[in-house]
Amino acid sequence: MATPEPPASPRSGASPRPGPPPGTAPLPARLGAALDAFRHHIEAERGLSRHTVRAYVSDIAALLEHAAATGAGAPADLGIATLRAWLAAQHGAGQSRATLARRAAAARTFTAFAHARGLMPADPGPLLGMPRIPRRLPEVLSQEQVAAVLTASAAGPARPGSGSVGPAAASARPGSASARPGSASARPGSASARPGSASARPSSGSGPAGSGPADSGPARPGSGPASPAAGSARPEGAPPRGAEDRGAPDGLLARPGSGAARAAGTPGRRNSAKSGRDDEDAALALRDSAIMELLYATGIRVSELCGLDLGDLDEERRTVRVLGKGNRERTVPAGIPAVRAVGAWARTGRPVLVTPASGYALLLGARGGRLDPRTARRVVHACLAAVPGTPDSGPHGLRHAAATHLLEGGADLRSVQEILGHASLTSTQIYTHVSIERLRSAYRQAHPRA
C-alpha cells in the first residue's frame, strides 16, 4: 500500500549544533570551549550516531548551564556534588528513569573526557550512581501475524486505466525479479529466468530472511550468522560503499549486472508526459513492500534501511551490506522474498520516482530524494494497521520479531548479535525471551518425568 508523505528533510552526516535555548545566558568561555571539544570528540573521534551526539550534547549543555548557575566557570569546578544536584533537579522535574540514566551516562562520558584532556584534576563520574531501568519487552508479533502483514503489503491492487500494477502483479510480470522458473511469465532470456539470478533459484529460506508474500508461505525461523558491526545513513548523493571496486555500469556506481544498476538511471515519471499519478502510486506500493520485507528479513534499523545504496544488496548471494552505528559495516543475510521485493522495486518502481537528486539511494521518497526515516515509520505503521489485531509496534517491532523468531528457530545468541549489529552481547539478551510453547516442548523432550 502506498503511504503519503510530506517533503523529506535534508539529510546530513553531521549532527546539528543545538543553539542555546531562548532567554538563557551563554556559557562561560571555558565551559563553552569544553562543550565544543566534547562534541568533536564523540562525533569525529568516537563516531557515535548523530542521534546520540545530539542527545549527549544537549544533556551536557544542560549540566554546564546548571554548573554555571551555581558559580562554576571551568570544568575543574565540577564535582560529584554538582553532578548529583543536577540529576536531583532533573528527577524533581519529573524526568523518567530512562532519561535520568541517559543523562547520567552522558555526564560520566563528559567527565572522563575532561579528565583525560587535563581539564579536570579528577574524574567524579565513577562516583555517580546510575538509575536502574526496568526492561519492558514490546509485544512480539507472531510468525502468523508477520506473514499476514507482509502478504497484505505485497497485495497492492492494480490501478485500472494506466497500465500500472500493484506489487503483487508487478512481481509476476515477465522479466520481473519474482517470475519463477517454469512459469508462463519466465521466458527464456528474461532477467528472472537467467541461471544464477536470485529469483531463478528454488524458493527456500529460513527465519525472517525467508518470509514474504503468499507464494513463499509463512515465515520460517532460523538464519545463519553474518559478519559483525551497526545505523547512520550516508549523505544523499554519496557513492555506494566500495563502488570503486565494482565498476560503474550504465553510468552508476553499482554492482555490475545488477537490476538496480540497470534501472536506477532511467528517468521515469519525472521526464515522461504519459505517466500519471497511478504510476507513482504503484511505484510507492512496490517501495512499501520492499521496506516491510527488508526490515523483517534482515532485522536492520530504520536508519540503516534508509541509508542503503544501490549495490548494497547482493542478489546472487542474497546479502545486504549495512552501515550501522559508529560507522561499523556488517553483512546481513536476506531471504528470497525480500530480494524479490527489492528487485521489483529497483526495476519497476524506482525508475518512476528517480530524479537527479536521488543520487545512489536505493529507497526513494515520493519526490525522488532519499527515503526519510519518518516516512519509513509511517509506512510500517500503516501496513500494521491494515491487518486487524496486529500490535502497532512500528519498525523496531519488526526488528524485535525478527530476532525473536530467529532464536525460536534455533539460532544462537551470537549469530543474532551479528545480524542485529549489537556491539555488546548484553544488548542482544533482551531478545532471549521465548514462547511458552517452546519451553513446554523443551521440557517434554529433556525432563525424564515430563
Protein backbone atom coordinates (compact mmCIF):
# COMPACT_ATOMS: atom_id res chain seq x y z
CA MET A 1 0.00 0.00 0.00
CA ALA A 2 1.24 3.45 -0.82
CA THR A 3 1.63 5.85 2.06
CA PRO A 4 1.54 9.63 1.52
CA GLU A 5 4.38 11.60 2.95
CA PRO A 6 5.48 15.20 3.49
CA PRO A 7 8.63 16.66 1.94
CA ALA A 8 11.73 14.90 3.23
CA SER A 9 14.03 16.95 5.36
CA PRO A 10 17.63 17.49 4.21
CA ARG A 11 19.98 14.77 5.36
CA SER A 12 23.38 15.44 6.79
CA GLY A 13 26.11 13.20 8.05
CA ALA A 14 26.96 15.58 10.89
CA SER A 15 24.69 16.33 13.80
CA PRO A 16 23.33 19.86 14.04
CA ARG A 17 24.73 22.05 16.74
CA PRO A 18 21.97 22.86 19.18
CA GLY A 19 21.86 26.56 19.98
CA PRO A 20 21.21 27.88 23.47
CA PRO A 21 17.55 27.96 24.49
CA PRO A 22 15.87 31.36 24.15
CA GLY A 23 16.39 33.57 27.15
CA THR A 24 19.38 31.67 28.59
CA ALA A 25 22.76 33.28 29.19
CA PRO A 26 25.72 31.94 27.19
CA LEU A 27 28.09 29.57 28.96
CA PRO A 28 31.36 30.88 30.41
CA ALA A 29 34.15 30.72 27.85
CA ARG A 30 35.96 27.70 29.30
CA LEU A 31 32.75 25.72 29.75
CA GLY A 32 31.67 26.55 26.20
CA ALA A 33 35.05 25.50 24.82
CA ALA A 34 34.84 22.23 26.75
CA LEU A 35 31.38 21.57 25.31
CA ASP A 36 32.63 22.16 21.75
CA ALA A 37 35.62 19.89 22.31
CA PHE A 38 33.34 17.20 23.77
CA ARG A 39 31.05 17.42 20.73
CA HIS A 40 34.01 16.96 18.40
CA HIS A 41 35.26 14.04 20.49
CA ILE A 42 32.07 11.97 20.38
CA GLU A 43 31.24 12.94 16.80
CA ALA A 44 34.57 12.69 14.99
CA GLU A 45 36.76 10.58 17.25
CA ARG A 46 34.28 8.06 18.67
CA GLY A 47 31.99 8.08 15.64
CA LEU A 48 28.73 7.98 17.58
CA SER A 49 25.49 8.32 15.64
CA ARG A 50 24.13 11.79 15.10
CA HIS A 51 21.17 10.99 17.34
CA THR A 52 23.47 10.04 20.23
CA VAL A 53 25.62 13.11 19.60
CA ARG A 54 22.58 15.37 19.66
CA ALA A 55 21.28 13.82 22.90
CA TYR A 56 24.65 13.87 24.69
CA VAL A 57 25.47 17.44 23.67
CA SER A 58 22.04 18.59 24.82
CA ASP A 59 22.47 16.81 28.16
CA ILE A 60 25.94 18.21 28.80
CA ALA A 61 24.83 21.70 27.80
CA ALA A 62 22.10 21.43 30.46
CA LEU A 63 24.66 20.18 33.00
CA LEU A 64 27.07 23.02 32.29
CA GLU A 65 24.26 25.58 32.48
CA HIS A 66 23.35 24.18 35.90
CA ALA A 67 27.00 24.32 36.96
CA ALA A 68 27.38 27.89 35.68
CA ALA A 69 24.30 28.91 37.66
CA THR A 70 25.99 27.62 40.82
CA GLY A 71 29.17 29.60 40.14
CA ALA A 72 31.29 27.18 38.10
CA GLY A 73 33.41 28.82 35.43
CA ALA A 74 35.52 25.89 34.22
CA PRO A 75 35.23 22.08 34.02
CA ALA A 76 37.58 21.80 37.01
CA ASP A 77 34.81 23.32 39.15
CA LEU A 78 32.52 20.36 38.55
CA GLY A 79 32.44 17.87 41.41
CA ILE A 80 30.30 14.94 42.40
CA ALA A 81 28.02 17.26 44.40
CA THR A 82 27.30 19.30 41.26
CA LEU A 83 26.52 16.18 39.23
CA ARG A 84 24.20 14.77 41.89
CA ALA A 85 22.43 18.10 42.35
CA TRP A 86 21.84 18.33 38.60
CA LEU A 87 20.36 14.84 38.44
CA ALA A 88 18.24 15.54 41.53
CA ALA A 89 16.83 18.62 39.82
CA GLN A 90 16.05 16.51 36.75
CA HIS A 91 14.29 13.94 38.93
CA GLY A 92 12.32 16.68 40.64
CA ALA A 93 11.21 17.94 37.23
CA GLY A 94 9.58 14.56 36.58
CA GLN A 95 12.09 13.02 34.19
CA SER A 96 11.78 9.27 33.69
CA ARG A 97 14.32 6.72 34.86
CA ALA A 98 15.43 6.10 31.29
CA THR A 99 16.10 9.82 30.77
CA LEU A 100 17.97 10.08 34.06
CA ALA A 101 20.09 7.04 33.17
CA ARG A 102 20.99 8.52 29.78
CA ARG A 103 21.90 11.89 31.31
CA ALA A 104 23.99 10.20 33.98
CA ALA A 105 25.79 8.24 31.25
CA ALA A 106 26.38 11.47 29.30
CA ALA A 107 27.76 13.15 32.43
CA ARG A 108 30.14 10.26 33.10
CA THR A 109 31.31 10.31 29.49
CA PHE A 110 31.96 14.04 29.70
CA THR A 111 33.89 13.91 32.98
CA ALA A 112 36.03 11.03 31.69
CA PHE A 113 36.78 13.05 28.56
CA ALA A 114 37.56 16.23 30.54
CA HIS A 115 39.85 14.36 32.94
CA ALA A 116 41.68 12.66 30.05
CA ARG A 117 42.22 16.06 28.39
CA GLY A 118 43.54 17.60 31.61
CA LEU A 119 40.50 19.84 32.11
CA MET A 120 39.63 18.22 35.45
CA PRO A 121 42.09 17.14 38.14
CA ALA A 122 39.98 14.06 38.97
CA ASP A 123 37.08 12.20 37.39
CA PRO A 124 33.96 12.27 39.61
CA GLY A 125 31.95 10.24 37.10
CA PRO A 126 32.51 6.78 38.63
CA LEU A 127 31.02 8.06 41.90
CA LEU A 128 27.76 8.96 40.16
CA GLY A 129 25.11 6.29 40.56
CA MET A 130 23.16 5.04 37.53
CA PRO A 131 19.40 4.58 37.92
CA ARG A 132 18.23 1.05 37.21
CA ILE A 133 15.90 0.86 34.23
CA PRO A 134 13.20 -1.81 34.22
CA ARG A 135 13.30 -3.61 30.89
CA ARG A 136 9.97 -3.57 29.12
CA LEU A 137 9.66 -6.02 26.26
CA PRO A 138 7.42 -4.85 23.44
CA GLU A 139 4.64 -7.13 22.32
CA VAL A 140 6.14 -9.55 19.83
CA LEU A 141 4.41 -10.19 16.52
CA SER A 142 3.80 -13.87 15.95
CA GLN A 143 5.05 -15.51 12.78
CA GLU A 144 1.47 -15.75 11.52
CA GLN A 145 0.90 -12.03 12.13
CA VAL A 146 4.12 -11.08 10.32
CA ALA A 147 3.19 -13.32 7.38
CA ALA A 148 -0.25 -11.67 7.19
CA VAL A 149 1.28 -8.17 7.29
CA LEU A 150 3.82 -8.95 4.58
CA THR A 151 1.18 -10.59 2.40
CA ALA A 152 -1.09 -7.56 2.77
CA SER A 153 1.74 -5.14 1.98
CA ALA A 154 2.56 -7.11 -1.19
CA ALA A 155 -1.06 -7.35 -2.38
CA GLY A 156 -1.49 -3.81 -3.69
CA PRO A 157 -4.36 -3.73 -6.23
CA ALA A 158 -3.80 -2.89 -9.88
CA ARG A 159 -4.55 0.68 -10.95
CA PRO A 160 -7.00 0.49 -13.85
CA GLY A 161 -6.58 2.74 -16.83
CA SER A 162 -2.87 3.42 -16.57
CA GLY A 163 -1.21 0.09 -17.20
CA SER A 164 0.36 0.23 -13.74
CA VAL A 165 0.14 -2.62 -11.33
CA GLY A 166 0.46 -3.24 -7.63
CA PRO A 167 3.47 -5.05 -6.18
CA ALA A 168 1.90 -8.49 -6.34
CA ALA A 169 1.12 -8.17 -10.03
CA ALA A 170 4.36 -6.37 -10.88
CA SER A 171 6.42 -9.14 -9.30
CA ALA A 172 4.78 -11.74 -11.57
CA ARG A 173 5.32 -9.84 -14.84
CA PRO A 174 7.62 -11.39 -17.47
CA GLY A 175 11.18 -10.39 -16.78
CA SER A 176 10.43 -9.31 -13.21
CA ALA A 177 12.57 -10.38 -10.30
CA SER A 178 9.99 -12.81 -8.89
CA ALA A 179 8.94 -14.65 -12.06
CA ARG A 180 9.52 -18.24 -11.06
CA PRO A 181 11.35 -20.71 -13.31
CA GLY A 182 8.93 -22.82 -15.28
CA SER A 183 6.06 -20.35 -15.11
CA ALA A 184 4.47 -18.84 -18.17
CA SER A 185 5.94 -15.47 -17.34
CA ALA A 186 9.54 -16.66 -17.04
CA ARG A 187 10.52 -16.59 -20.71
CA PRO A 188 13.97 -17.75 -21.75
CA GLY A 189 16.36 -14.86 -21.75
CA SER A 190 14.37 -12.77 -19.30
CA ALA A 191 16.12 -11.23 -16.31
CA SER A 192 14.33 -13.54 -13.88
CA ALA A 193 14.88 -16.74 -15.87
CA ARG A 194 18.62 -16.48 -16.34
CA PRO A 195 20.69 -19.09 -14.43
CA GLY A 196 22.27 -17.70 -11.32
CA SER A 197 19.76 -14.92 -10.77
CA ALA A 198 18.33 -14.57 -7.29
CA SER A 199 14.75 -15.27 -8.41
CA ALA A 200 15.64 -18.23 -10.64
CA ARG A 201 16.75 -20.31 -7.67
CA PRO A 202 14.27 -22.51 -5.80
CA SER A 203 12.23 -20.58 -3.26
CA SER A 204 13.75 -21.63 0.00
CA GLY A 205 14.80 -19.74 3.05
CA SER A 206 14.60 -19.74 6.79
CA GLY A 207 13.65 -17.41 9.56
CA PRO A 208 12.84 -13.78 8.89
CA ALA A 209 15.00 -13.92 5.79
CA GLY A 210 12.63 -16.44 4.26
CA SER A 211 9.38 -14.64 4.95
CA GLY A 212 7.29 -12.92 2.37
CA PRO A 213 4.16 -12.88 0.28
CA ALA A 214 1.71 -15.73 -0.13
CA ASP A 215 3.80 -17.51 -2.78
CA SER A 216 6.58 -18.11 -0.28
CA GLY A 217 4.44 -19.37 2.61
CA PRO A 218 4.62 -18.32 6.24
CA ALA A 219 7.81 -17.15 7.90
CA ARG A 220 10.18 -19.89 8.96
CA PRO A 221 12.67 -19.01 11.70
CA GLY A 222 16.36 -19.61 11.55
CA SER A 223 19.18 -17.96 9.73
CA GLY A 224 22.93 -18.02 9.51
CA PRO A 225 25.36 -15.58 11.06
CA ALA A 226 26.71 -12.54 9.34
CA SER A 227 29.89 -10.58 9.74
CA PRO A 228 29.88 -8.10 12.57
CA ALA A 229 29.45 -4.47 13.12
CA ALA A 230 25.90 -1.48 13.44
CA GLY A 231 22.96 2.85 11.58
CA SER A 232 23.76 6.04 10.27
CA ALA A 233 22.72 6.95 6.76
CA ARG A 234 25.19 8.30 4.29
CA PRO A 235 24.72 11.81 2.91
CA GLU A 236 22.46 11.97 -0.12
CA GLY A 237 24.35 11.67 -3.37
CA ALA A 238 27.40 9.96 -1.87
CA PRO A 239 28.67 6.98 -3.90
CA PRO A 240 27.94 3.50 -2.58
CA ARG A 241 30.46 1.88 -0.27
CA GLY A 242 33.10 0.00 -2.22
CA ALA A 243 31.66 1.13 -5.53
CA GLU A 244 35.08 1.87 -6.94
CA ASP A 245 35.86 -1.85 -6.70
CA ARG A 246 32.72 -2.94 -8.53
CA GLY A 247 32.85 -0.85 -11.66
CA ALA A 248 30.29 1.66 -12.94
CA PRO A 249 27.87 0.12 -15.43
CA ASP A 250 25.36 2.44 -17.12
CA GLY A 251 26.99 5.47 -15.54
CA LEU A 252 26.15 4.40 -11.98
CA LEU A 253 28.36 3.01 -9.24
CA ALA A 254 26.62 -0.30 -8.57
CA ARG A 255 27.36 -3.99 -8.78
CA PRO A 256 27.92 -4.89 -12.45
CA GLY A 257 24.88 -6.53 -14.00
CA SER A 258 22.59 -5.89 -11.04
CA GLY A 259 18.98 -4.95 -11.64
CA ALA A 260 19.41 -1.84 -9.53
CA ALA A 261 22.21 -0.65 -11.79
CA ARG A 262 20.16 -1.24 -14.92
CA ALA A 263 17.07 0.57 -13.66
CA ALA A 264 18.45 3.27 -11.41
CA GLY A 265 19.50 5.73 -14.05
CA THR A 266 16.36 5.54 -16.18
CA PRO A 267 14.16 8.57 -15.59
CA GLY A 268 10.54 7.51 -15.48
CA ARG A 269 7.58 9.55 -14.41
CA ARG A 270 9.66 12.69 -13.86
CA ASN A 271 10.59 13.02 -17.53
CA SER A 272 7.59 11.44 -19.25
CA ALA A 273 4.37 13.28 -20.02
CA LYS A 274 2.47 9.97 -20.40
CA SER A 275 2.94 8.84 -16.82
CA GLY A 276 0.31 9.73 -14.27
CA ARG A 277 -0.49 9.58 -10.62
CA ASP A 278 -1.37 5.88 -10.87
CA ASP A 279 2.19 5.06 -11.92
CA GLU A 280 3.54 6.88 -8.88
CA ASP A 281 1.07 5.11 -6.57
CA ALA A 282 2.13 1.73 -7.96
CA ALA A 283 5.80 2.65 -7.52
CA LEU A 284 5.21 3.69 -3.90
CA ALA A 285 3.35 0.42 -3.28
CA LEU A 286 6.38 -1.52 -4.57
CA ARG A 287 8.64 0.56 -2.34
CA ASP A 288 6.46 -0.01 0.73
CA SER A 289 6.50 -3.75 0.13
CA ALA A 290 10.30 -3.67 -0.16
CA ILE A 291 10.52 -1.70 3.09
CA MET A 292 8.45 -4.25 5.02
CA GLU A 293 10.25 -7.26 3.57
CA LEU A 294 13.72 -5.85 4.22
CA LEU A 295 13.01 -4.73 7.78
CA TYR A 296 11.75 -8.16 8.82
CA ALA A 297 14.11 -10.27 6.71
CA THR A 298 17.27 -8.54 7.94
CA GLY A 299 16.29 -7.03 11.31
CA ILE A 300 18.09 -3.80 10.41
CA ARG A 301 17.28 -0.45 11.98
CA VAL A 302 15.10 2.01 10.10
CA SER A 303 18.00 4.46 9.80
CA GLU A 304 20.15 1.68 8.32
CA LEU A 305 17.37 0.86 5.87
CA CYS A 306 17.16 4.47 4.67
CA GLY A 307 20.94 4.59 4.29
CA LEU A 308 21.12 1.70 1.81
CA ASP A 309 22.62 2.50 -1.60
CA LEU A 310 22.42 0.79 -4.96
CA GLY A 311 24.76 -2.17 -4.92
CA ASP A 312 24.38 -2.81 -1.18
CA LEU A 313 22.02 -5.69 -1.98
CA ASP A 314 23.81 -8.68 -3.50
CA GLU A 315 21.04 -10.54 -5.31
CA GLU A 316 23.15 -13.61 -6.09
CA ARG A 317 24.42 -14.15 -2.55
CA ARG A 318 21.22 -12.74 -1.01
CA THR A 319 23.04 -10.46 1.42
CA VAL A 320 22.69 -6.80 2.34
CA ARG A 321 25.64 -4.62 3.29
CA VAL A 322 24.67 -2.26 6.12
CA LEU A 323 26.46 0.73 7.63
CA GLY A 324 25.43 0.84 11.27
CA LYS A 325 26.15 2.71 14.44
CA GLY A 326 29.65 4.07 14.79
CA ASN A 327 30.13 3.64 11.01
CA ARG A 328 30.55 -0.10 11.55
CA GLU A 329 29.79 -2.14 8.46
CA ARG A 330 28.25 -5.59 8.52
CA THR A 331 26.74 -8.03 6.04
CA VAL A 332 23.28 -9.40 6.78
CA PRO A 333 21.57 -12.32 5.02
CA ALA A 334 18.24 -11.68 3.29
CA GLY A 335 15.68 -14.21 2.10
CA ILE A 336 14.35 -14.76 -1.39
CA PRO A 337 11.05 -12.87 -0.83
CA ALA A 338 12.94 -9.79 0.37
CA VAL A 339 15.33 -9.95 -2.59
CA ARG A 340 12.36 -10.29 -4.95
CA ALA A 341 10.56 -7.33 -3.40
CA VAL A 342 13.64 -5.10 -3.63
CA GLY A 343 14.32 -6.29 -7.18
CA ALA A 344 10.76 -5.47 -8.25
CA TRP A 345 11.09 -2.00 -6.70
CA ALA A 346 14.52 -1.33 -8.24
CA ARG A 347 13.50 -2.44 -11.73
CA THR A 348 9.90 -1.26 -11.89
CA GLY A 349 9.20 1.29 -9.17
CA ARG A 350 12.40 3.25 -8.67
CA PRO A 351 12.69 4.47 -12.28
CA VAL A 352 9.27 6.13 -11.88
CA LEU A 353 10.42 8.25 -8.91
CA VAL A 354 14.10 8.79 -9.73
CA THR A 355 15.35 12.36 -10.16
CA PRO A 356 18.82 13.95 -10.33
CA ALA A 357 18.51 14.41 -6.55
CA SER A 358 18.13 10.65 -5.98
CA GLY A 359 21.86 10.00 -6.09
CA TYR A 360 22.70 6.41 -5.24
CA ALA A 361 19.90 5.92 -2.69
CA LEU A 362 18.17 2.56 -3.01
CA LEU A 363 14.86 3.65 -1.45
CA LEU A 364 13.32 6.95 -2.51
CA GLY A 365 10.62 9.27 -1.25
CA ALA A 366 7.70 10.48 -3.35
CA ARG A 367 9.76 13.47 -4.57
CA GLY A 368 12.75 11.40 -5.57
CA GLY A 369 15.07 12.10 -2.62
CA ARG A 370 16.48 9.53 -0.24
CA LEU A 371 13.78 7.94 1.89
CA ASP A 372 13.40 9.69 5.25
CA PRO A 373 13.17 7.54 8.42
CA ARG A 374 9.94 9.28 9.41
CA THR A 375 8.34 8.23 6.14
CA ALA A 376 9.57 4.64 6.62
CA ARG A 377 7.99 4.59 10.08
CA ARG A 378 4.69 5.83 8.69
CA VAL A 379 4.78 3.09 6.06
CA VAL A 380 5.30 0.40 8.71
CA HIS A 381 2.54 1.75 10.96
CA ALA A 382 0.13 1.88 8.01
CA CYS A 383 0.94 -1.70 6.96
CA LEU A 384 0.49 -2.99 10.52
CA ALA A 385 -2.80 -1.13 10.89
CA ALA A 386 -4.09 -2.77 7.70
CA VAL A 387 -4.16 -6.19 9.42
CA PRO A 388 -6.76 -6.31 12.23
CA GLY A 389 -5.49 -7.49 15.59
CA THR A 390 -1.83 -6.79 14.84
CA PRO A 391 0.03 -4.76 17.50
CA ASP A 392 1.21 -1.37 16.24
CA SER A 393 4.83 -1.93 17.18
CA GLY A 394 6.49 0.07 14.40
CA PRO A 395 9.82 -0.67 12.66
CA HIS A 396 11.54 -1.71 15.89
CA GLY A 397 8.76 -4.22 16.41
CA LEU A 398 9.74 -5.90 13.15
CA ARG A 399 13.37 -5.93 14.28
CA HIS A 400 12.29 -7.42 17.60
CA ALA A 401 10.13 -10.02 15.85
CA ALA A 402 12.99 -10.97 13.53
CA ALA A 403 15.35 -11.58 16.45
CA THR A 404 12.74 -13.47 18.46
CA HIS A 405 11.78 -15.74 15.55
CA LEU A 406 15.45 -16.46 14.83
CA LEU A 407 16.00 -17.56 18.42
CA GLU A 408 12.82 -19.60 18.44
CA GLY A 409 14.01 -21.31 15.28
CA GLY A 410 17.26 -22.38 16.92
CA ALA A 411 19.69 -19.60 16.02
CA ASP A 412 22.35 -19.00 18.66
CA LEU A 413 22.60 -15.69 20.50
CA ARG A 414 25.95 -14.80 18.97
CA SER A 415 24.58 -15.13 15.43
CA VAL A 416 21.62 -12.92 16.29
CA GLN A 417 24.03 -10.36 17.75
CA GLU A 418 25.96 -10.27 14.47
CA ILE A 419 22.78 -9.91 12.40
CA LEU A 420 21.39 -7.11 14.57
CA GLY A 421 24.73 -5.28 14.74
CA HIS A 422 24.93 -5.07 18.52
CA ALA A 423 28.36 -4.12 19.80
CA SER A 424 27.72 -5.97 23.07
CA LEU A 425 26.04 -9.32 23.63
CA THR A 426 24.24 -7.73 26.59
CA SER A 427 22.10 -5.71 24.19
CA THR A 428 21.01 -8.91 22.43
CA GLN A 429 19.98 -10.69 25.62
CA ILE A 430 16.75 -8.71 25.70
CA TYR A 431 15.59 -10.96 22.84
CA THR A 432 16.19 -14.20 24.72
CA HIS A 433 12.62 -14.46 25.99
CA VAL A 434 10.96 -17.48 24.40
CA SER A 435 7.40 -18.55 23.93
CA ILE A 436 5.74 -20.80 26.47
CA GLU A 437 5.17 -23.34 23.69
CA ARG A 438 8.92 -23.68 23.12
CA LEU A 439 9.53 -24.01 26.85
CA ARG A 440 6.94 -26.78 27.11
CA SER A 441 8.44 -28.55 24.10
CA ALA A 442 11.95 -28.37 25.55
CA TYR A 443 10.67 -29.59 28.92
CA ARG A 444 8.89 -32.57 27.37
CA GLN A 445 12.00 -33.53 25.42
CA ALA A 446 14.54 -33.02 28.19
CA HIS A 447 12.90 -33.88 31.50
CA PRO A 448 12.85 -37.62 32.34
CA ARG A 449 9.44 -37.40 34.05
CA ALA A 450 7.75 -34.92 31.74
